[in-house]
């Protein structure tokens, strides 16, 4: 785990908090789900940051952490 990647992602998370919220709300279609995903994202940054070169921290924060929640939401909506 790379501490520099973790620090970089945390910095992007904090500085882009409002933008992240807006993008996730649009992507997920729910402000409540976007809040849950943001919270999960912050917790995941503590557990595992990507190793190697991180080319786009913003994309990583938007795409990676929200995927499990999106799939879970799709499964719930199928019921």
N, C-alpha and C. Protein backbone atom coordinates (compact mmCIF):
# COMPACT_ATOMS: atom_id res chain seq x y z
N UNK A 1 0.85 -1.18 0.00
CA UNK A 1 0.00 0.00 0.00
C UNK A 1 0.89 1.23 0.00
N UNK A 2 0.55 2.15 -0.80
CA UNK A 2 1.35 3.36 -0.93
C UNK A 2 0.74 4.49 -0.10
N UNK A 3 1.53 4.97 0.85
CA UNK A 3 1.05 6.07 1.70
C UNK A 3 0.89 7.36 0.89
N UNK A 4 1.74 7.54 -0.11
CA UNK A 4 1.62 8.76 -0.91
C UNK A 4 0.33 8.74 -1.72
N UNK A 5 -0.07 7.57 -2.26
CA UNK A 5 -1.35 7.48 -2.97
C UNK A 5 -2.51 7.73 -2.02
N UNK A 6 -2.43 7.17 -0.83
CA UNK A 6 -3.49 7.37 0.15
C UNK A 6 -3.62 8.85 0.49
N UNK A 7 -2.50 9.50 0.73
CA UNK A 7 -2.52 10.93 1.05
C UNK A 7 -3.07 11.75 -0.11
N UNK A 8 -2.68 11.41 -1.32
CA UNK A 8 -3.17 12.10 -2.51
C UNK A 8 -4.69 11.94 -2.63
N UNK A 9 -5.18 10.73 -2.45
CA UNK A 9 -6.61 10.48 -2.55
C UNK A 9 -7.39 11.20 -1.45
N UNK A 10 -6.84 11.20 -0.25
CA UNK A 10 -7.50 11.93 0.85
C UNK A 10 -7.59 13.42 0.54
N UNK A 11 -6.52 13.97 0.01
CA UNK A 11 -6.49 15.39 -0.33
C UNK A 11 -7.55 15.69 -1.40
N UNK A 12 -7.61 14.86 -2.45
CA UNK A 12 -8.62 15.04 -3.49
C UNK A 12 -10.03 14.89 -2.91
N UNK A 13 -10.20 13.94 -2.01
CA UNK A 13 -11.50 13.70 -1.39
C UNK A 13 -11.97 14.94 -0.63
N UNK A 14 -11.09 15.47 0.21
CA UNK A 14 -11.45 16.62 1.04
C UNK A 14 -11.66 17.88 0.20
N UNK A 15 -10.73 18.15 -0.71
CA UNK A 15 -10.83 19.36 -1.51
C UNK A 15 -11.98 19.31 -2.52
N UNK A 16 -12.31 18.12 -2.98
CA UNK A 16 -13.38 17.98 -3.96
C UNK A 16 -14.65 17.39 -3.40
N UNK A 17 -14.86 17.55 -2.09
CA UNK A 17 -15.98 16.91 -1.41
C UNK A 17 -17.33 17.25 -2.05
N UNK A 18 -17.59 18.51 -2.30
CA UNK A 18 -18.88 18.92 -2.89
C UNK A 18 -19.03 18.40 -4.31
N UNK A 19 -17.96 18.45 -5.09
CA UNK A 19 -18.00 17.95 -6.45
C UNK A 19 -18.24 16.44 -6.45
N UNK A 20 -17.58 15.73 -5.55
CA UNK A 20 -17.75 14.29 -5.44
C UNK A 20 -19.20 13.95 -5.09
N UNK A 21 -19.77 14.70 -4.15
CA UNK A 21 -21.16 14.48 -3.76
C UNK A 21 -22.09 14.68 -4.96
N UNK A 22 -21.88 15.76 -5.70
CA UNK A 22 -22.74 16.05 -6.85
C UNK A 22 -22.62 14.98 -7.93
N UNK A 23 -21.40 14.58 -8.23
CA UNK A 23 -21.20 13.57 -9.26
C UNK A 23 -21.81 12.22 -8.86
N UNK A 24 -21.60 11.82 -7.61
CA UNK A 24 -22.16 10.55 -7.16
C UNK A 24 -23.68 10.60 -7.10
N UNK A 25 -24.23 11.73 -6.71
CA UNK A 25 -25.69 11.86 -6.68
C UNK A 25 -26.27 11.70 -8.08
N UNK A 26 -25.64 12.36 -9.06
CA UNK A 26 -26.10 12.21 -10.45
C UNK A 26 -25.94 10.78 -10.93
N UNK A 27 -24.80 10.19 -10.62
CA UNK A 27 -24.51 8.84 -11.11
C UNK A 27 -25.42 7.80 -10.49
N UNK A 28 -25.69 7.95 -9.19
CA UNK A 28 -26.46 6.94 -8.48
C UNK A 28 -27.95 7.27 -8.42
N UNK A 29 -28.30 8.53 -8.71
CA UNK A 29 -29.69 8.92 -8.70
C UNK A 29 -30.29 9.10 -7.32
N UNK A 30 -29.44 9.20 -6.30
CA UNK A 30 -29.93 9.32 -4.93
C UNK A 30 -28.88 10.02 -4.07
N UNK A 31 -29.29 11.10 -3.40
CA UNK A 31 -28.38 11.81 -2.51
C UNK A 31 -28.02 10.93 -1.31
N UNK A 32 -28.98 10.17 -0.82
CA UNK A 32 -28.73 9.30 0.33
C UNK A 32 -27.70 8.22 -0.02
N UNK A 33 -27.86 7.60 -1.17
CA UNK A 33 -26.90 6.59 -1.60
C UNK A 33 -25.53 7.22 -1.85
N UNK A 34 -25.51 8.42 -2.41
CA UNK A 34 -24.24 9.13 -2.63
C UNK A 34 -23.53 9.39 -1.30
N UNK A 35 -24.28 9.76 -0.26
CA UNK A 35 -23.68 9.96 1.06
C UNK A 35 -23.09 8.66 1.60
N UNK A 36 -23.80 7.56 1.43
CA UNK A 36 -23.29 6.26 1.87
C UNK A 36 -22.01 5.89 1.14
N UNK A 37 -22.00 6.12 -0.16
CA UNK A 37 -20.82 5.79 -0.96
C UNK A 37 -19.64 6.66 -0.56
N UNK A 38 -19.88 7.94 -0.32
CA UNK A 38 -18.79 8.82 0.12
C UNK A 38 -18.21 8.34 1.44
N UNK A 39 -19.08 7.96 2.35
CA UNK A 39 -18.61 7.45 3.64
C UNK A 39 -17.79 6.17 3.45
N UNK A 40 -18.30 5.25 2.66
CA UNK A 40 -17.56 4.01 2.38
C UNK A 40 -16.21 4.31 1.72
N UNK A 41 -16.19 5.30 0.84
CA UNK A 41 -14.96 5.67 0.16
C UNK A 41 -13.91 6.13 1.16
N UNK A 42 -14.31 6.97 2.08
CA UNK A 42 -13.38 7.47 3.09
C UNK A 42 -12.82 6.30 3.92
N UNK A 43 -13.68 5.38 4.30
CA UNK A 43 -13.22 4.22 5.08
C UNK A 43 -12.28 3.34 4.28
N UNK A 44 -12.57 3.16 3.01
CA UNK A 44 -11.70 2.33 2.16
C UNK A 44 -10.33 2.96 1.96
N UNK A 45 -10.26 4.27 1.95
CA UNK A 45 -8.96 4.92 1.81
C UNK A 45 -8.04 4.58 2.97
N UNK A 46 -8.61 4.34 4.14
CA UNK A 46 -7.81 3.94 5.29
C UNK A 46 -7.31 2.51 5.17
N UNK A 47 -8.11 1.66 4.56
CA UNK A 47 -7.75 0.24 4.49
C UNK A 47 -6.84 -0.08 3.33
N UNK A 48 -7.11 0.49 2.17
CA UNK A 48 -6.34 0.09 0.99
C UNK A 48 -6.30 1.20 -0.04
N UNK A 49 -5.14 1.74 -0.23
CA UNK A 49 -4.93 2.70 -1.31
C UNK A 49 -4.26 1.95 -2.46
N UNK A 50 -4.47 2.39 -3.68
CA UNK A 50 -3.86 1.70 -4.81
C UNK A 50 -2.34 1.80 -4.76
N UNK A 51 -1.70 0.74 -5.18
CA UNK A 51 -0.24 0.78 -5.27
C UNK A 51 0.13 1.15 -6.70
N UNK A 52 1.34 1.57 -6.89
CA UNK A 52 1.78 1.96 -8.22
C UNK A 52 1.34 3.38 -8.55
N UNK A 53 1.44 3.70 -9.82
CA UNK A 53 1.11 5.05 -10.28
C UNK A 53 -0.41 5.26 -10.29
N UNK A 54 -0.82 6.37 -9.75
CA UNK A 54 -2.23 6.74 -9.75
C UNK A 54 -2.38 7.90 -10.73
N UNK A 55 -2.92 7.61 -11.90
CA UNK A 55 -2.98 8.62 -12.97
C UNK A 55 -4.09 9.64 -12.77
N UNK A 56 -5.23 9.20 -12.24
CA UNK A 56 -6.35 10.12 -12.09
C UNK A 56 -7.05 9.87 -10.75
N UNK A 57 -6.62 10.57 -9.70
CA UNK A 57 -7.24 10.40 -8.39
C UNK A 57 -8.74 10.68 -8.41
N UNK A 58 -9.15 11.68 -9.17
CA UNK A 58 -10.57 12.03 -9.25
C UNK A 58 -11.38 10.86 -9.81
N UNK A 59 -10.91 10.27 -10.90
CA UNK A 59 -11.60 9.12 -11.49
C UNK A 59 -11.62 7.94 -10.53
N UNK A 60 -10.52 7.73 -9.85
CA UNK A 60 -10.46 6.62 -8.89
C UNK A 60 -11.53 6.80 -7.81
N UNK A 61 -11.66 8.00 -7.30
CA UNK A 61 -12.64 8.26 -6.24
C UNK A 61 -14.07 8.12 -6.75
N UNK A 62 -14.33 8.49 -7.98
CA UNK A 62 -15.68 8.42 -8.54
C UNK A 62 -16.04 6.99 -8.92
N UNK A 63 -15.15 6.28 -9.58
CA UNK A 63 -15.50 4.99 -10.16
C UNK A 63 -15.29 3.82 -9.22
N UNK A 64 -14.15 3.68 -8.67
CA UNK A 64 -13.82 2.49 -7.89
C UNK A 64 -14.73 2.25 -6.69
N UNK A 65 -14.78 3.18 -5.77
CA UNK A 65 -15.54 2.91 -4.55
C UNK A 65 -17.03 2.77 -4.75
N UNK A 66 -17.58 3.40 -5.76
CA UNK A 66 -19.03 3.36 -5.90
C UNK A 66 -19.52 2.09 -6.58
N UNK A 67 -18.65 1.35 -7.21
CA UNK A 67 -19.09 0.19 -7.97
C UNK A 67 -19.82 -0.87 -7.12
N UNK A 68 -19.29 -1.29 -5.97
CA UNK A 68 -20.03 -2.29 -5.19
C UNK A 68 -21.41 -1.79 -4.78
N UNK A 69 -21.52 -0.56 -4.39
CA UNK A 69 -22.82 0.01 -4.01
C UNK A 69 -23.76 0.06 -5.20
N UNK A 70 -23.24 0.42 -6.37
CA UNK A 70 -24.09 0.49 -7.56
C UNK A 70 -24.65 -0.89 -7.85
N UNK A 71 -23.82 -1.89 -7.78
CA UNK A 71 -24.30 -3.25 -8.05
C UNK A 71 -25.31 -3.69 -7.01
N UNK A 72 -25.06 -3.35 -5.76
CA UNK A 72 -26.02 -3.69 -4.70
C UNK A 72 -27.33 -2.97 -4.92
N UNK A 73 -27.27 -1.70 -5.32
CA UNK A 73 -28.48 -0.93 -5.59
C UNK A 73 -29.26 -1.50 -6.77
N UNK A 74 -28.53 -1.96 -7.79
CA UNK A 74 -29.19 -2.57 -8.94
C UNK A 74 -29.89 -3.85 -8.52
N UNK A 75 -29.25 -4.62 -7.65
CA UNK A 75 -29.84 -5.86 -7.17
C UNK A 75 -31.10 -5.56 -6.35
N UNK A 76 -31.04 -4.53 -5.49
CA UNK A 76 -32.20 -4.17 -4.68
C UNK A 76 -33.35 -3.68 -5.56
N UNK A 77 -33.02 -2.89 -6.59
CA UNK A 77 -34.09 -2.35 -7.43
C UNK A 77 -34.73 -3.45 -8.28
N UNK A 78 -34.05 -4.55 -8.47
CA UNK A 78 -34.62 -5.66 -9.24
C UNK A 78 -35.72 -6.35 -8.46
N UNK A 79 -35.70 -6.21 -7.14
CA UNK A 79 -36.73 -6.83 -6.31
C UNK A 79 -37.96 -6.02 -6.45
